[in-house]
């Protein structure tokens, strides 16, 4: 898939309509897409656990 297809699919599958991936302009395989998607989901969940939950409990 192309860079544009990659970004569109990420936005759709992760429900992030304004996400702009900073990725190289080349073709990507399905495995690369799934790896990138899993990494992005983990980073998001880590962010929520580390910052959002902490801020809510720091009252």
N, C-alpha and C. Protein backbone atom coordinates (compact mmCIF):
# COMPACT_ATOMS: atom_id res chain seq x y z
N UNK A 1 0.85 -1.18 0.00
CA UNK A 1 0.00 0.00 0.00
C UNK A 1 0.89 1.23 0.00
N UNK A 2 0.40 2.29 -0.57
CA UNK A 2 1.16 3.53 -0.64
C UNK A 2 1.10 4.27 0.70
N UNK A 3 1.91 5.31 0.80
CA UNK A 3 1.92 6.12 2.02
C UNK A 3 0.53 6.69 2.30
N UNK A 4 -0.13 7.21 1.28
CA UNK A 4 -1.47 7.79 1.46
C UNK A 4 -2.48 6.75 1.91
N UNK A 5 -2.46 5.58 1.29
CA UNK A 5 -3.36 4.50 1.70
C UNK A 5 -3.09 4.08 3.14
N UNK A 6 -1.81 4.03 3.49
CA UNK A 6 -1.38 3.69 4.85
C UNK A 6 -1.98 4.67 5.85
N UNK A 7 -1.83 5.95 5.60
CA UNK A 7 -2.34 6.98 6.52
C UNK A 7 -3.87 6.95 6.61
N UNK A 8 -4.53 6.82 5.48
CA UNK A 8 -6.00 6.78 5.47
C UNK A 8 -6.50 5.59 6.28
N UNK A 9 -5.88 4.46 6.08
CA UNK A 9 -6.30 3.25 6.80
C UNK A 9 -6.04 3.38 8.30
N UNK A 10 -4.92 3.98 8.69
CA UNK A 10 -4.65 4.20 10.12
C UNK A 10 -5.73 5.09 10.73
N UNK A 11 -6.03 6.19 10.05
CA UNK A 11 -7.06 7.09 10.57
C UNK A 11 -8.39 6.38 10.76
N UNK A 12 -8.76 5.57 9.78
CA UNK A 12 -10.04 4.88 9.83
C UNK A 12 -10.06 3.80 10.91
N UNK A 13 -9.07 2.92 10.93
CA UNK A 13 -9.07 1.79 11.85
C UNK A 13 -8.86 2.21 13.31
N UNK A 14 -8.13 3.30 13.54
CA UNK A 14 -7.89 3.76 14.90
C UNK A 14 -8.83 4.88 15.32
N UNK A 15 -9.71 5.26 14.40
CA UNK A 15 -10.67 6.34 14.66
C UNK A 15 -9.96 7.62 15.10
N UNK A 16 -8.95 8.00 14.33
CA UNK A 16 -8.19 9.22 14.57
C UNK A 16 -8.23 10.07 13.29
N UNK A 17 -9.33 10.78 13.06
CA UNK A 17 -9.51 11.45 11.77
C UNK A 17 -8.48 12.53 11.43
N UNK A 18 -7.80 13.09 12.43
CA UNK A 18 -6.85 14.17 12.15
C UNK A 18 -5.40 13.75 12.35
N UNK A 19 -5.18 12.45 12.50
CA UNK A 19 -3.82 11.95 12.71
C UNK A 19 -3.00 12.07 11.44
N UNK A 20 -1.80 12.62 11.54
CA UNK A 20 -0.88 12.74 10.41
C UNK A 20 0.38 11.96 10.75
N UNK A 21 0.52 10.78 10.17
CA UNK A 21 1.69 9.95 10.41
C UNK A 21 2.90 10.56 9.71
N UNK A 22 4.02 10.52 10.37
CA UNK A 22 5.27 11.00 9.77
C UNK A 22 6.04 9.75 9.33
N UNK A 23 5.69 9.28 8.15
CA UNK A 23 6.29 8.07 7.61
C UNK A 23 6.90 8.35 6.25
N UNK A 24 7.83 7.49 5.86
CA UNK A 24 8.51 7.64 4.58
C UNK A 24 7.56 7.42 3.42
N UNK A 25 7.83 8.09 2.33
CA UNK A 25 7.00 7.96 1.12
C UNK A 25 7.46 6.75 0.32
N UNK A 26 6.91 5.58 0.66
CA UNK A 26 7.24 4.33 -0.02
C UNK A 26 6.07 3.38 0.11
N UNK A 27 6.17 2.21 -0.45
CA UNK A 27 5.12 1.20 -0.34
C UNK A 27 5.30 0.39 0.94
N UNK A 28 4.20 0.01 1.56
CA UNK A 28 4.21 -0.73 2.82
C UNK A 28 3.45 -2.04 2.66
N UNK A 29 3.92 -3.06 3.38
CA UNK A 29 3.24 -4.35 3.37
C UNK A 29 2.19 -4.38 4.48
N UNK A 30 1.35 -5.39 4.45
CA UNK A 30 0.33 -5.56 5.49
C UNK A 30 0.99 -5.79 6.85
N UNK A 31 2.08 -6.52 6.87
CA UNK A 31 2.78 -6.80 8.14
C UNK A 31 3.33 -5.50 8.72
N UNK A 32 3.91 -4.65 7.88
CA UNK A 32 4.43 -3.37 8.36
C UNK A 32 3.29 -2.50 8.90
N UNK A 33 2.16 -2.53 8.23
CA UNK A 33 1.01 -1.76 8.69
C UNK A 33 0.56 -2.24 10.06
N UNK A 34 0.40 -3.55 10.22
CA UNK A 34 -0.06 -4.11 11.49
C UNK A 34 0.93 -3.82 12.61
N UNK A 35 2.23 -3.88 12.33
CA UNK A 35 3.25 -3.56 13.33
C UNK A 35 3.16 -2.09 13.76
N UNK A 36 3.03 -1.20 12.77
CA UNK A 36 2.93 0.23 13.06
C UNK A 36 1.67 0.54 13.87
N UNK A 37 0.57 -0.08 13.48
CA UNK A 37 -0.71 0.12 14.16
C UNK A 37 -0.62 -0.36 15.61
N UNK A 38 -0.04 -1.53 15.84
CA UNK A 38 0.10 -2.07 17.20
C UNK A 38 0.99 -1.16 18.05
N UNK A 39 2.06 -0.66 17.46
CA UNK A 39 2.97 0.25 18.18
C UNK A 39 2.24 1.54 18.56
N UNK A 40 1.48 2.08 17.64
CA UNK A 40 0.74 3.31 17.89
C UNK A 40 -0.32 3.12 18.98
N UNK A 41 -1.02 1.99 18.94
CA UNK A 41 -2.02 1.70 19.97
C UNK A 41 -1.36 1.58 21.35
N UNK A 42 -0.21 0.91 21.41
CA UNK A 42 0.50 0.75 22.69
C UNK A 42 0.94 2.11 23.22
N UNK A 43 1.49 2.95 22.37
CA UNK A 43 1.93 4.28 22.80
C UNK A 43 0.75 5.10 23.32
N UNK A 44 -0.39 4.99 22.68
CA UNK A 44 -1.59 5.71 23.12
C UNK A 44 -2.04 5.21 24.49
N UNK A 45 -2.10 3.88 24.66
CA UNK A 45 -2.52 3.33 25.95
C UNK A 45 -1.52 3.67 27.06
N UNK A 46 -0.24 3.67 26.75
CA UNK A 46 0.78 4.07 27.73
C UNK A 46 0.58 5.53 28.13
N UNK A 47 0.29 6.39 27.15
CA UNK A 47 0.04 7.80 27.42
C UNK A 47 -1.16 7.96 28.35
N UNK A 48 -2.23 7.26 28.06
CA UNK A 48 -3.43 7.35 28.90
C UNK A 48 -3.12 6.88 30.32
N UNK A 49 -2.43 5.76 30.44
CA UNK A 49 -2.09 5.23 31.76
C UNK A 49 -1.17 6.17 32.53
N UNK A 50 -0.17 6.71 31.85
CA UNK A 50 0.84 7.52 32.53
C UNK A 50 0.39 8.94 32.84
N UNK A 51 -0.34 9.58 31.94
CA UNK A 51 -0.64 10.99 32.09
C UNK A 51 -2.10 11.29 32.42
N UNK A 52 -3.01 10.68 31.71
CA UNK A 52 -4.42 10.98 31.93
C UNK A 52 -4.88 10.45 33.28
N UNK A 53 -4.63 9.18 33.56
CA UNK A 53 -5.02 8.61 34.84
C UNK A 53 -4.34 9.33 35.99
N UNK A 54 -3.07 9.68 35.83
CA UNK A 54 -2.32 10.39 36.87
C UNK A 54 -2.94 11.74 37.14
N UNK A 55 -3.30 12.48 36.11
CA UNK A 55 -3.87 13.81 36.27
C UNK A 55 -5.24 13.73 36.94
N UNK A 56 -6.01 12.73 36.61
CA UNK A 56 -7.34 12.59 37.22
C UNK A 56 -7.25 12.25 38.70
N UNK A 57 -6.22 11.51 39.08
CA UNK A 57 -6.06 11.11 40.48
C UNK A 57 -5.30 12.12 41.30
N UNK A 58 -4.75 13.11 40.66
CA UNK A 58 -3.95 14.15 41.35
C UNK A 58 -4.83 15.36 41.67
N UNK A 59 -5.84 15.14 42.48
CA UNK A 59 -6.78 16.21 42.81
C UNK A 59 -6.50 16.74 44.19
